[in-house]
N, C-alpha and C. Protein backbone atom coordinates (compact mmCIF):
# COMPACT_ATOMS: atom_id res chain seq x y z
N MET A 1 55.53 122.15 63.93
CA MET A 1 55.94 123.60 64.58
C MET A 1 54.18 124.25 64.55
N ILE A 2 53.69 123.42 65.08
CA ILE A 2 52.24 124.00 65.14
C ILE A 2 51.39 123.52 66.43
N VAL A 3 51.12 124.81 66.93
CA VAL A 3 50.82 124.71 68.37
C VAL A 3 49.55 125.82 68.70
N SER A 4 48.43 125.45 70.09
CA SER A 4 47.64 126.63 69.66
C SER A 4 47.82 127.27 70.94
N VAL A 5 47.37 128.39 70.95
CA VAL A 5 47.52 129.08 72.91
C VAL A 5 46.14 129.48 73.17
N HIS A 6 45.05 129.07 72.19
CA HIS A 6 43.67 129.58 72.73
C HIS A 6 43.34 128.10 73.75
N ALA A 7 43.13 128.46 75.00
CA ALA A 7 42.83 127.48 76.48
C ALA A 7 40.96 127.82 76.41
N PRO A 8 40.36 127.24 77.19
CA PRO A 8 38.92 127.24 77.59
C PRO A 8 39.05 128.38 78.43
N ARG A 9 37.68 128.80 78.58
CA ARG A 9 38.00 130.05 79.42
C ARG A 9 37.71 129.61 80.47
N HIS A 10 37.25 128.67 81.28
CA HIS A 10 36.56 127.94 82.44
C HIS A 10 38.07 127.65 82.92
N HIS A 11 38.42 127.43 84.15
CA HIS A 11 39.43 126.63 85.03
C HIS A 11 39.22 126.52 86.15
N THR A 12 39.80 125.52 86.33
CA THR A 12 39.48 124.66 88.08
C THR A 12 40.79 125.10 88.68
N GLN A 13 40.68 124.95 89.90
CA GLN A 13 41.46 125.15 90.83
C GLN A 13 42.69 124.18 90.61
N ASP A 14 42.84 123.13 89.93
CA ASP A 14 43.70 122.11 89.66
C ASP A 14 44.60 122.46 88.72
N ASP A 15 45.45 123.27 88.94
CA ASP A 15 46.43 123.74 87.95
C ASP A 15 47.53 122.74 87.33
N ARG A 16 47.66 121.39 87.69
CA ARG A 16 48.30 120.33 87.47
C ARG A 16 47.83 119.13 86.65
N ARG A 17 46.69 119.80 85.76
CA ARG A 17 46.13 118.82 85.30
C ARG A 17 46.68 118.59 83.64
N PRO A 18 46.36 118.06 83.00
CA PRO A 18 47.18 117.56 81.86
C PRO A 18 47.44 119.01 80.88
N LEU A 19 48.57 119.31 80.26
CA LEU A 19 48.60 120.36 79.60
C LEU A 19 46.90 120.25 78.34
N ALA A 20 47.13 119.44 77.77
CA ALA A 20 46.31 119.31 76.41
C ALA A 20 44.75 119.73 77.12
N ARG A 21 44.40 120.06 78.14
CA ARG A 21 43.03 120.27 78.54
C ARG A 21 43.40 121.80 78.79
N GLU A 22 44.32 122.62 79.15
CA GLU A 22 44.64 123.62 78.68
C GLU A 22 44.94 124.53 77.55
N VAL A 23 45.87 123.61 76.78
CA VAL A 23 46.22 124.71 75.23
C VAL A 23 46.07 123.31 74.70
N PRO A 24 44.80 123.16 73.57
CA PRO A 24 45.03 122.05 72.74
C PRO A 24 46.08 122.18 71.80
N LEU A 25 46.35 120.73 71.56
CA LEU A 25 47.70 120.60 70.94
C LEU A 25 47.08 119.63 69.51
N HIS A 26 47.93 119.71 68.25
CA HIS A 26 47.28 119.42 67.00
C HIS A 26 47.98 118.21 67.12
N GLY A 27 46.74 117.31 66.49
CA GLY A 27 47.07 116.00 66.16
C GLY A 27 46.92 115.04 67.93
N VAL A 28 45.95 115.35 68.76
CA VAL A 28 45.91 114.74 69.62
C VAL A 28 44.19 114.74 70.05
N GLY A 29 43.64 114.60 69.28
CA GLY A 29 42.32 114.59 69.51
C GLY A 29 40.99 115.55 70.17
N HIS A 30 41.92 117.07 70.14
CA HIS A 30 41.04 118.31 70.76
C HIS A 30 40.34 118.70 69.76
N ASP A 31 39.31 119.65 70.01
CA ASP A 31 38.50 120.60 69.01
C ASP A 31 39.67 121.18 68.33
N SER A 32 39.16 121.27 66.85
CA SER A 32 39.75 121.73 65.69
C SER A 32 40.13 122.98 66.16
N ARG A 33 39.00 123.40 66.44
CA ARG A 33 38.53 125.12 66.58
C ARG A 33 40.25 125.86 67.34
N HIS A 34 40.69 124.94 68.09
CA HIS A 34 41.87 125.67 69.05
C HIS A 34 43.14 125.06 68.61
N GLN A 35 43.08 124.19 67.31
CA GLN A 35 44.23 123.93 67.38
C GLN A 35 45.28 124.97 65.74
N SER A 36 46.36 124.85 66.18
CA SER A 36 47.37 125.55 65.02
C SER A 36 47.08 127.16 64.73
N THR A 37 46.68 127.87 65.96
CA THR A 37 46.18 128.98 66.01
C THR A 37 47.70 129.90 65.63
N PHE A 38 48.29 129.83 66.04
CA PHE A 38 49.65 130.85 65.98
C PHE A 38 50.23 130.54 64.45
N HIS A 39 50.76 129.45 64.23
CA HIS A 39 50.99 128.70 62.89
C HIS A 39 49.98 128.86 61.75
N ALA A 40 48.59 128.88 62.10
CA ALA A 40 47.98 129.29 61.39
C ALA A 40 47.87 130.33 60.78
N ALA A 41 48.20 131.46 61.88
CA ALA A 41 48.64 132.92 61.51
C ALA A 41 49.31 133.19 60.55
N LEU A 42 50.57 132.70 60.78
CA LEU A 42 51.60 132.71 59.64
C LEU A 42 51.17 132.06 58.33
N ASP A 43 50.64 131.23 58.41
CA ASP A 43 49.94 130.38 56.84
C ASP A 43 49.34 131.29 56.38
N ALA A 44 48.41 132.27 56.96
CA ALA A 44 47.26 133.39 56.17
C ALA A 44 47.69 134.15 56.00
N GLY A 45 49.06 134.35 56.55
CA GLY A 45 49.43 136.12 56.30
C GLY A 45 49.18 136.65 57.30
N ASP A 46 48.41 136.52 58.44
CA ASP A 46 47.30 137.36 59.56
C ASP A 46 49.05 137.62 60.53
N ARG A 47 49.61 138.91 60.02
CA ARG A 47 50.41 139.46 60.78
C ARG A 47 49.54 139.72 62.13
N ASP A 48 48.63 140.50 62.26
CA ASP A 48 47.74 140.88 63.37
C ASP A 48 47.31 139.75 64.32
N ALA A 49 47.13 138.75 63.82
CA ALA A 49 46.65 137.58 64.70
C ALA A 49 47.66 136.74 65.28
N ALA A 50 48.88 136.70 64.67
CA ALA A 50 50.12 136.19 65.20
C ALA A 50 50.82 137.26 65.96
N LEU A 51 50.74 138.16 66.10
CA LEU A 51 50.88 139.24 67.17
C LEU A 51 50.46 139.15 68.36
N ALA A 52 49.06 139.13 68.19
CA ALA A 52 48.07 139.32 69.67
C ALA A 52 48.21 137.71 70.04
N LEU A 53 48.98 137.10 69.91
CA LEU A 53 48.87 135.66 70.35
C LEU A 53 50.12 135.58 71.51
N LEU A 54 51.21 136.84 71.05
CA LEU A 54 52.34 136.91 71.39
C LEU A 54 52.29 138.12 72.59
N THR A 55 53.35 137.66 74.01
CA THR A 55 53.29 138.83 74.87
C THR A 55 54.30 139.73 74.63
N PRO A 56 54.05 141.07 75.10
CA PRO A 56 54.78 142.10 74.86
C PRO A 56 56.29 142.07 74.81
N ASP A 57 56.45 141.31 75.91
CA ASP A 57 57.97 141.15 76.14
C ASP A 57 58.54 139.73 75.75
N VAL A 58 57.86 139.13 74.57
CA VAL A 58 58.21 137.53 74.16
C VAL A 58 59.78 137.95 73.49
N ILE A 59 60.61 136.80 73.63
CA ILE A 59 61.82 136.45 72.98
C ILE A 59 61.49 135.42 72.11
N VAL A 60 62.06 135.81 70.80
CA VAL A 60 62.00 134.89 69.80
C VAL A 60 63.65 134.40 69.01
N LEU A 61 63.79 133.36 69.54
CA LEU A 61 64.94 132.89 68.95
C LEU A 61 64.88 132.18 67.62
N GLU A 62 65.82 132.57 66.91
CA GLU A 62 66.03 131.56 65.10
C GLU A 62 67.26 131.94 64.66
N GLU A 63 68.03 131.22 64.03
CA GLU A 63 68.84 131.58 62.98
C GLU A 63 70.16 131.88 64.08
N GLY A 64 70.22 131.91 65.38
CA GLY A 64 71.44 132.11 66.25
C GLY A 64 71.06 133.67 66.56
N GLY A 65 69.93 134.10 66.15
CA GLY A 65 69.95 135.90 66.35
C GLY A 65 68.41 135.56 67.58
N ALA A 66 68.31 136.81 68.06
CA ALA A 66 67.21 137.06 69.25
C ALA A 66 66.45 138.09 69.05
N GLU A 67 65.05 138.28 69.18
CA GLU A 67 64.48 139.31 69.19
C GLU A 67 63.46 139.45 70.34
N ARG A 68 63.67 140.38 70.90
CA ARG A 68 63.59 140.96 72.43
C ARG A 68 62.16 141.47 72.99
N SER A 69 61.20 141.29 71.90
CA SER A 69 59.62 141.89 72.14
C SER A 69 59.09 141.86 71.00
N ARG A 70 57.77 142.08 71.12
CA ARG A 70 56.65 141.74 70.39
C ARG A 70 56.77 142.73 68.85
N GLU A 71 57.63 144.04 69.28
CA GLU A 71 57.69 145.17 68.62
C GLU A 71 59.02 144.76 67.47
N GLU A 72 59.81 144.24 68.07
CA GLU A 72 61.16 144.16 67.36
C GLU A 72 60.48 142.78 66.70
N TYR A 73 60.04 141.55 66.86
CA TYR A 73 59.70 140.93 65.88
C TYR A 73 58.83 141.23 64.71
N ALA A 74 58.18 142.11 65.13
CA ALA A 74 57.41 142.55 64.11
C ALA A 74 57.81 142.93 63.00
N GLY A 75 58.87 143.83 63.40
CA GLY A 75 59.65 144.60 62.50
C GLY A 75 60.85 143.90 61.83
N HIS A 76 60.97 142.66 62.48
CA HIS A 76 62.51 142.22 61.48
C HIS A 76 62.03 140.77 61.36
N HIS A 77 61.80 139.53 61.74
CA HIS A 77 61.28 138.20 61.17
C HIS A 77 60.11 137.79 61.23
N LEU A 78 59.31 138.66 61.47
CA LEU A 78 57.67 138.36 61.24
C LEU A 78 57.59 138.08 59.68
N PRO A 79 57.87 139.15 58.98
CA PRO A 79 57.62 139.05 57.66
C PRO A 79 58.05 137.86 56.81
N ALA A 80 59.22 137.65 57.18
CA ALA A 80 60.02 136.60 56.51
C ALA A 80 59.54 135.42 56.94
N ASP A 81 58.75 135.22 58.38
CA ASP A 81 58.32 133.90 58.77
C ASP A 81 57.12 133.81 58.09
N ILE A 82 56.14 134.94 57.78
CA ILE A 82 54.96 134.62 57.08
C ILE A 82 54.89 134.30 55.61
N ALA A 83 56.39 135.17 55.03
CA ALA A 83 56.13 134.56 53.64
C ALA A 83 56.76 132.99 53.46
N PHE A 84 57.82 132.45 54.60
CA PHE A 84 58.20 131.25 54.41
C PHE A 84 57.35 130.37 54.65
N ALA A 85 56.27 130.54 56.01
CA ALA A 85 55.16 129.49 55.95
C ALA A 85 54.06 129.63 54.87
N GLY A 86 53.96 130.36 54.06
CA GLY A 86 52.82 130.63 53.40
C GLY A 86 53.64 129.74 51.98
N ALA A 87 55.01 129.61 52.04
CA ALA A 87 55.57 129.08 51.04
C ALA A 87 55.82 127.23 51.01
N THR A 88 55.73 126.84 52.28
CA THR A 88 56.18 125.67 52.33
C THR A 88 55.06 125.18 53.32
N ARG A 89 55.35 123.63 53.79
CA ARG A 89 54.46 122.98 54.49
C ARG A 89 55.42 122.29 55.49
N SER A 90 54.50 122.20 56.45
CA SER A 90 55.28 121.65 57.63
C SER A 90 54.31 120.52 58.29
N GLU A 91 55.02 119.42 58.84
CA GLU A 91 54.32 118.09 59.67
C GLU A 91 54.70 118.00 61.06
N VAL A 92 53.94 117.91 62.08
CA VAL A 92 54.62 117.33 63.07
C VAL A 92 54.81 116.08 62.96
N ALA A 93 56.22 115.64 63.79
CA ALA A 93 56.52 114.35 63.69
C ALA A 93 56.48 113.98 65.36
N ARG A 94 56.65 114.76 66.25
CA ARG A 94 56.53 114.10 67.58
C ARG A 94 56.38 115.57 68.45
N ARG A 95 55.67 115.48 69.64
CA ARG A 95 55.25 116.88 70.61
C ARG A 95 55.26 116.17 71.89
N ALA A 96 55.78 117.01 72.88
CA ALA A 96 55.94 116.48 74.09
C ALA A 96 55.58 118.06 74.95
N ALA A 97 54.45 118.17 76.07
CA ALA A 97 54.22 119.35 76.50
C ALA A 97 54.01 119.31 77.85
N ALA A 98 53.95 119.98 78.82
CA ALA A 98 53.65 120.39 80.31
C ALA A 98 53.23 121.62 80.83
N VAL A 99 52.18 121.60 81.76
CA VAL A 99 52.02 122.90 82.41
C VAL A 99 52.52 123.18 83.77
N GLU A 100 52.74 124.20 84.33
CA GLU A 100 52.99 124.00 85.85
C GLU A 100 52.01 125.24 86.38
N GLY A 101 51.19 125.22 87.00
CA GLY A 101 50.28 126.78 87.45
C GLY A 101 50.14 127.63 85.80
N ASP A 102 50.48 128.60 86.00
CA ASP A 102 50.16 129.51 84.62
C ASP A 102 51.54 129.68 83.40
N VAL A 103 52.28 128.43 83.61
CA VAL A 103 53.50 128.52 82.71
C VAL A 103 53.16 127.39 82.01
N ALA A 104 53.37 127.31 80.65
CA ALA A 104 53.46 125.78 80.04
C ALA A 104 54.60 125.80 78.97
N TRP A 105 54.91 124.64 78.79
CA TRP A 105 56.09 124.73 77.61
C TRP A 105 55.54 123.18 76.85
N ILE A 106 56.22 123.53 75.42
CA ILE A 106 55.25 122.75 74.46
C ILE A 106 56.77 122.55 73.39
N MET A 107 57.56 121.26 73.28
CA MET A 107 58.44 120.93 72.47
C MET A 107 58.03 120.35 71.16
N THR A 108 58.27 120.60 69.93
CA THR A 108 57.78 119.98 68.73
C THR A 108 58.86 119.80 67.71
N GLU A 109 59.02 118.60 67.12
CA GLU A 109 59.45 118.07 66.15
C GLU A 109 58.96 117.70 64.88
N GLY A 110 59.66 118.14 63.69
CA GLY A 110 58.57 118.04 62.53
C GLY A 110 59.65 118.22 61.68
N ARG A 111 58.85 118.52 60.40
CA ARG A 111 59.54 118.56 58.71
C ARG A 111 58.99 119.52 58.35
N THR A 112 60.05 120.58 57.37
CA THR A 112 59.11 121.41 56.88
C THR A 112 59.84 121.16 55.25
N THR A 113 58.85 121.16 54.51
CA THR A 113 59.33 121.06 52.77
C THR A 113 58.53 122.06 51.83
N GLY A 114 59.19 122.12 50.64
CA GLY A 114 58.78 123.38 50.07
C GLY A 114 59.47 123.51 49.15
N ARG A 115 59.17 124.93 48.60
CA ARG A 115 60.24 125.86 47.85
C ARG A 115 60.01 127.36 48.40
N PHE A 116 61.19 128.06 48.49
CA PHE A 116 61.04 129.40 49.18
C PHE A 116 62.66 130.33 48.48
N ASP A 117 61.82 131.57 47.67
CA ASP A 117 62.89 132.34 47.26
C ASP A 117 63.86 131.34 46.20
N ASP A 118 62.81 130.58 45.48
CA ASP A 118 63.69 129.47 44.16
C ASP A 118 64.30 128.51 44.60
N ARG A 119 64.30 128.08 45.78
CA ARG A 119 65.15 126.86 46.44
C ARG A 119 64.27 126.02 46.91
N ALA A 120 64.71 124.55 47.03
CA ALA A 120 63.69 123.41 47.34
C ALA A 120 64.07 123.34 49.18
N VAL A 121 62.96 123.20 49.63
CA VAL A 121 63.11 123.35 51.27
C VAL A 121 63.06 121.98 51.47
N ASP A 122 63.98 121.36 52.60
CA ASP A 122 63.55 120.32 53.25
C ASP A 122 64.36 120.34 54.41
N ARG A 123 63.51 120.57 55.79
CA ARG A 123 64.49 120.77 57.02
C ARG A 123 63.64 119.90 58.11
N LEU A 124 64.39 119.10 58.75
CA LEU A 124 64.17 118.49 60.24
C LEU A 124 63.75 119.80 61.35
N THR A 125 62.75 120.29 61.83
CA THR A 125 62.62 121.07 62.90
C THR A 125 62.50 120.63 64.20
N ALA A 126 62.77 121.83 65.12
CA ALA A 126 62.61 121.59 66.30
C ALA A 126 62.34 122.98 66.80
N GLU A 127 61.14 123.08 67.60
CA GLU A 127 60.53 124.19 67.91
C GLU A 127 60.29 124.37 69.74
N THR A 128 60.45 124.79 70.55
CA THR A 128 60.42 125.01 72.04
C THR A 128 59.22 126.54 72.32
N MET A 129 58.44 126.20 72.44
CA MET A 129 57.32 127.55 73.02
C MET A 129 57.16 127.25 74.32
N VAL A 130 56.91 128.67 75.10
CA VAL A 130 56.95 128.66 76.69
C VAL A 130 55.55 129.97 76.61
N LEU A 131 54.42 129.49 77.17
CA LEU A 131 53.68 130.34 77.22
C LEU A 131 53.24 130.28 78.90
N THR A 132 52.54 131.55 78.68
CA THR A 132 52.05 131.90 80.03
C THR A 132 50.67 132.34 80.20
N ARG A 133 49.96 132.05 81.27
CA ARG A 133 48.38 132.53 81.17
C ARG A 133 48.45 133.77 82.24
N GLY A 134 47.87 134.68 81.37
CA GLY A 134 47.35 135.75 82.13
C GLY A 134 45.65 135.75 82.23
N ALA A 135 45.84 137.30 82.39
CA ALA A 135 44.24 137.61 82.32
C ALA A 135 43.41 137.58 81.04
N ASP A 136 44.24 137.55 80.19
CA ASP A 136 43.62 137.47 78.97
C ASP A 136 43.95 136.22 78.12
N GLY A 137 44.20 135.12 78.84
CA GLY A 137 44.43 133.73 78.52
C GLY A 137 45.66 133.23 78.25
N TRP A 138 46.00 132.26 77.52
CA TRP A 138 47.47 132.33 77.34
C TRP A 138 48.09 132.69 75.79
N ARG A 139 49.16 133.09 76.22
CA ARG A 139 49.93 134.21 75.63
C ARG A 139 51.71 133.51 75.28
N ILE A 140 52.01 133.24 74.17
CA ILE A 140 53.58 132.76 73.85
C ILE A 140 54.49 134.06 74.45
N ARG A 141 55.54 133.43 75.30
CA ARG A 141 56.41 134.78 76.02
C ARG A 141 57.98 134.05 75.36
N HIS A 142 57.95 132.93 74.79
CA HIS A 142 59.41 132.56 74.25
C HIS A 142 58.97 131.52 72.99
N ILE A 143 59.84 131.88 71.64
CA ILE A 143 60.00 130.72 71.05
C ILE A 143 61.43 130.76 70.26
N HIS A 144 61.54 129.28 70.44
CA HIS A 144 63.18 129.19 70.19
C HIS A 144 62.85 127.90 68.53
N TRP A 145 63.19 128.40 67.62
CA TRP A 145 63.21 127.82 66.20
C TRP A 145 64.57 127.28 65.80
N SER A 146 64.73 126.15 65.60
CA SER A 146 66.13 125.30 64.86
C SER A 146 65.81 124.40 63.71
N SER A 147 66.70 124.44 62.88
CA SER A 147 66.24 123.20 61.71
C SER A 147 67.44 122.90 61.52
N ARG A 148 67.65 121.73 60.90
CA ARG A 148 69.02 121.08 59.88
C ARG A 148 68.45 120.31 59.04
N ALA A 149 69.39 120.02 58.16
CA ALA A 149 69.02 119.20 56.45
C ALA A 149 68.81 117.60 57.22
N PRO A 150 67.85 117.15 56.62
CA PRO A 150 68.04 115.62 56.82
C PRO A 150 69.10 114.95 56.46
N ASN A 151 69.44 113.73 57.22
CA ASN A 151 70.62 113.21 57.12
C ASN A 151 70.73 112.23 55.55
């Protein structure tokens, strides 16, 4: 569950180039300054930094529920997501990404382990993020998180 939404400020006319040039991804050899930005903000408990990476109309799907704006996410699941991220460790197992014009999507599979609320955590995770590029750069427009116990 690690993704960066910071892209280089310079862009060429060819928007069909590989996503890794636009949205550097963890573990694929790109500059570490651009890696893990959203999840690093959650891990650090930096609410403002995490929210700054989301569009105002972000849709977050998690645990069968939906939050339909940055404001709604901030007032509902964000505090719990920050607490969970700080208490657990996530590892990326697989990642795929694509970009078309000003829209990018990143699919990540991984595993999260640790202790949260006095319970052991061991979950296989799946995350999809859809990002859009505007005047202020790449921002997260949609997040979908799901998980299950390992077999």
